[in-house]
Amino acid sequence: MCVDRVQRRCVADPIFGPSGGVAAALSVTGPTALVRAGPAVRLAAAAASRAYSTRR
């Protein structure tokens, strides 16, 4: 998570591919007062990793 000088918050997590390496990332950025998405981003990235790694 990061907070910059104009009070924006960034949350990101990796999406892993079939080989276990990072294939992409999921991120959310917005005003500090509104972004409380850390756990939601983590869960969404984990779900995307599972879907992507089982894809054929």
N, C-alpha and C. Protein backbone atom coordinates (compact mmCIF):
# COMPACT_ATOMS: atom_id res chain seq x y z
N MET A 1 0.84 -1.17 0.00
CA MET A 1 0.00 0.00 0.00
C MET A 1 0.89 1.24 0.00
N CYS A 2 0.46 2.28 -0.67
CA CYS A 2 1.20 3.54 -0.68
C CYS A 2 0.23 4.69 -0.47
N VAL A 3 0.74 5.76 0.09
CA VAL A 3 -0.02 7.00 0.22
C VAL A 3 0.88 8.11 -0.31
N ASP A 4 0.42 8.89 -1.29
CA ASP A 4 1.27 9.93 -1.86
C ASP A 4 0.93 11.30 -1.28
N ARG A 5 1.58 12.32 -1.80
CA ARG A 5 1.45 13.67 -1.25
C ARG A 5 0.05 14.27 -1.38
N VAL A 6 -0.74 13.82 -2.32
CA VAL A 6 -2.09 14.37 -2.46
C VAL A 6 -3.14 13.44 -1.85
N GLN A 7 -2.69 12.60 -0.95
CA GLN A 7 -3.57 11.72 -0.17
C GLN A 7 -4.38 10.74 -1.02
N ARG A 8 -3.69 10.07 -1.91
CA ARG A 8 -4.29 8.95 -2.63
C ARG A 8 -3.70 7.67 -2.07
N ARG A 9 -4.49 6.64 -2.04
CA ARG A 9 -4.03 5.34 -1.54
C ARG A 9 -4.03 4.35 -2.70
N CYS A 10 -3.01 3.53 -2.74
CA CYS A 10 -2.86 2.51 -3.78
C CYS A 10 -2.74 1.15 -3.09
N VAL A 11 -3.48 0.18 -3.58
CA VAL A 11 -3.41 -1.18 -3.06
C VAL A 11 -3.23 -2.10 -4.27
N ALA A 12 -2.28 -3.03 -4.20
CA ALA A 12 -2.04 -3.94 -5.33
C ALA A 12 -1.63 -5.31 -4.82
N ASP A 13 -1.93 -6.32 -5.61
CA ASP A 13 -1.52 -7.70 -5.33
C ASP A 13 -1.24 -8.40 -6.65
N PRO A 14 -0.32 -9.36 -6.65
CA PRO A 14 0.02 -10.08 -7.88
C PRO A 14 -1.04 -11.12 -8.24
N ILE A 15 -1.10 -11.43 -9.52
CA ILE A 15 -1.88 -12.55 -10.04
C ILE A 15 -0.87 -13.54 -10.61
N PHE A 16 -0.91 -14.75 -10.10
CA PHE A 16 0.06 -15.77 -10.49
C PHE A 16 -0.48 -16.63 -11.63
N GLY A 17 0.39 -17.00 -12.55
CA GLY A 17 0.04 -17.84 -13.68
C GLY A 17 0.22 -19.31 -13.37
N PRO A 18 0.00 -20.16 -14.37
CA PRO A 18 0.08 -21.61 -14.19
C PRO A 18 1.45 -22.09 -13.69
N SER A 19 2.52 -21.41 -14.05
CA SER A 19 3.86 -21.85 -13.64
C SER A 19 4.25 -21.32 -12.26
N GLY A 20 3.38 -20.53 -11.64
CA GLY A 20 3.66 -19.98 -10.32
C GLY A 20 4.31 -18.61 -10.34
N GLY A 21 4.68 -18.13 -11.52
CA GLY A 21 5.26 -16.80 -11.64
C GLY A 21 4.18 -15.73 -11.73
N VAL A 22 4.58 -14.51 -11.48
CA VAL A 22 3.63 -13.39 -11.56
C VAL A 22 3.29 -13.15 -13.04
N ALA A 23 2.00 -13.18 -13.36
CA ALA A 23 1.53 -12.98 -14.73
C ALA A 23 0.89 -11.61 -14.92
N ALA A 24 0.39 -11.04 -13.83
CA ALA A 24 -0.30 -9.75 -13.90
C ALA A 24 -0.43 -9.20 -12.48
N ALA A 25 -1.09 -8.07 -12.36
CA ALA A 25 -1.36 -7.50 -11.04
C ALA A 25 -2.72 -6.83 -11.05
N LEU A 26 -3.30 -6.75 -9.90
CA LEU A 26 -4.59 -6.09 -9.71
C LEU A 26 -4.35 -4.94 -8.75
N SER A 27 -4.81 -3.73 -9.11
CA SER A 27 -4.60 -2.58 -8.23
C SER A 27 -5.82 -1.69 -8.19
N VAL A 28 -5.93 -0.97 -7.07
CA VAL A 28 -6.98 0.02 -6.87
C VAL A 28 -6.31 1.27 -6.34
N THR A 29 -6.64 2.43 -6.90
CA THR A 29 -6.10 3.72 -6.45
C THR A 29 -7.25 4.69 -6.28
N GLY A 30 -7.22 5.45 -5.22
CA GLY A 30 -8.27 6.44 -5.01
C GLY A 30 -7.97 7.30 -3.80
N PRO A 31 -8.86 8.22 -3.48
CA PRO A 31 -8.66 9.08 -2.32
C PRO A 31 -8.54 8.25 -1.04
N THR A 32 -7.64 8.68 -0.17
CA THR A 32 -7.38 7.96 1.08
C THR A 32 -8.65 7.71 1.87
N ALA A 33 -9.55 8.67 1.89
CA ALA A 33 -10.78 8.55 2.66
C ALA A 33 -11.71 7.47 2.10
N LEU A 34 -11.55 7.10 0.84
CA LEU A 34 -12.48 6.15 0.20
C LEU A 34 -11.90 4.76 -0.01
N VAL A 35 -10.59 4.64 -0.15
CA VAL A 35 -10.00 3.33 -0.49
C VAL A 35 -9.66 2.57 0.78
N ARG A 36 -10.42 1.55 1.03
CA ARG A 36 -10.20 0.63 2.15
C ARG A 36 -10.28 -0.79 1.58
N ALA A 37 -9.62 -0.99 0.46
CA ALA A 37 -9.83 -2.19 -0.34
C ALA A 37 -8.75 -3.25 -0.19
N GLY A 38 -7.82 -3.11 0.75
CA GLY A 38 -6.73 -4.08 0.85
C GLY A 38 -7.18 -5.53 0.86
N PRO A 39 -8.03 -5.94 1.80
CA PRO A 39 -8.47 -7.34 1.83
C PRO A 39 -9.26 -7.75 0.58
N ALA A 40 -10.07 -6.85 0.06
CA ALA A 40 -10.85 -7.18 -1.14
C ALA A 40 -9.95 -7.38 -2.35
N VAL A 41 -8.93 -6.56 -2.50
CA VAL A 41 -7.98 -6.71 -3.61
C VAL A 41 -7.22 -8.02 -3.46
N ARG A 42 -6.80 -8.34 -2.24
CA ARG A 42 -6.08 -9.58 -1.99
C ARG A 42 -6.94 -10.79 -2.36
N LEU A 43 -8.20 -10.79 -1.97
CA LEU A 43 -9.11 -11.90 -2.29
C LEU A 43 -9.37 -11.99 -3.79
N ALA A 44 -9.57 -10.86 -4.44
CA ALA A 44 -9.82 -10.86 -5.89
C ALA A 44 -8.59 -11.36 -6.65
N ALA A 45 -7.39 -10.93 -6.23
CA ALA A 45 -6.17 -11.40 -6.89
C ALA A 45 -5.98 -12.90 -6.69
N ALA A 46 -6.29 -13.39 -5.51
CA ALA A 46 -6.19 -14.84 -5.25
C ALA A 46 -7.17 -15.62 -6.11
N ALA A 47 -8.39 -15.12 -6.25
CA ALA A 47 -9.40 -15.78 -7.09
C ALA A 47 -8.96 -15.76 -8.56
N ALA A 48 -8.42 -14.65 -9.01
CA ALA A 48 -7.94 -14.56 -10.40
C ALA A 48 -6.76 -15.50 -10.61
N SER A 49 -5.89 -15.62 -9.63
CA SER A 49 -4.76 -16.55 -9.74
C SER A 49 -5.25 -17.98 -9.87
N ARG A 50 -6.23 -18.36 -9.04
CA ARG A 50 -6.77 -19.72 -9.13
C ARG A 50 -7.42 -19.97 -10.49
N ALA A 51 -8.19 -19.01 -10.96
CA ALA A 51 -8.87 -19.18 -12.27
C ALA A 51 -7.85 -19.26 -13.40
N TYR A 52 -6.83 -18.42 -13.35
CA TYR A 52 -5.83 -18.38 -14.40
C TYR A 52 -4.95 -19.62 -14.39
N SER A 53 -4.61 -20.12 -13.21
CA SER A 53 -3.71 -21.26 -13.13
C SER A 53 -4.39 -22.58 -13.52
N THR A 54 -5.73 -22.63 -13.46
CA THR A 54 -6.44 -23.86 -13.86
C THR A 54 -6.94 -23.77 -15.31
N ARG A 55 -6.70 -22.63 -15.95
CA ARG A 55 -7.14 -22.43 -17.34
C ARG A 55 -6.30 -23.25 -18.29
N ARG A 56 -6.91 -23.81 -19.28
CA ARG A 56 -6.18 -24.64 -20.27
C ARG A 56 -6.38 -24.12 -21.65
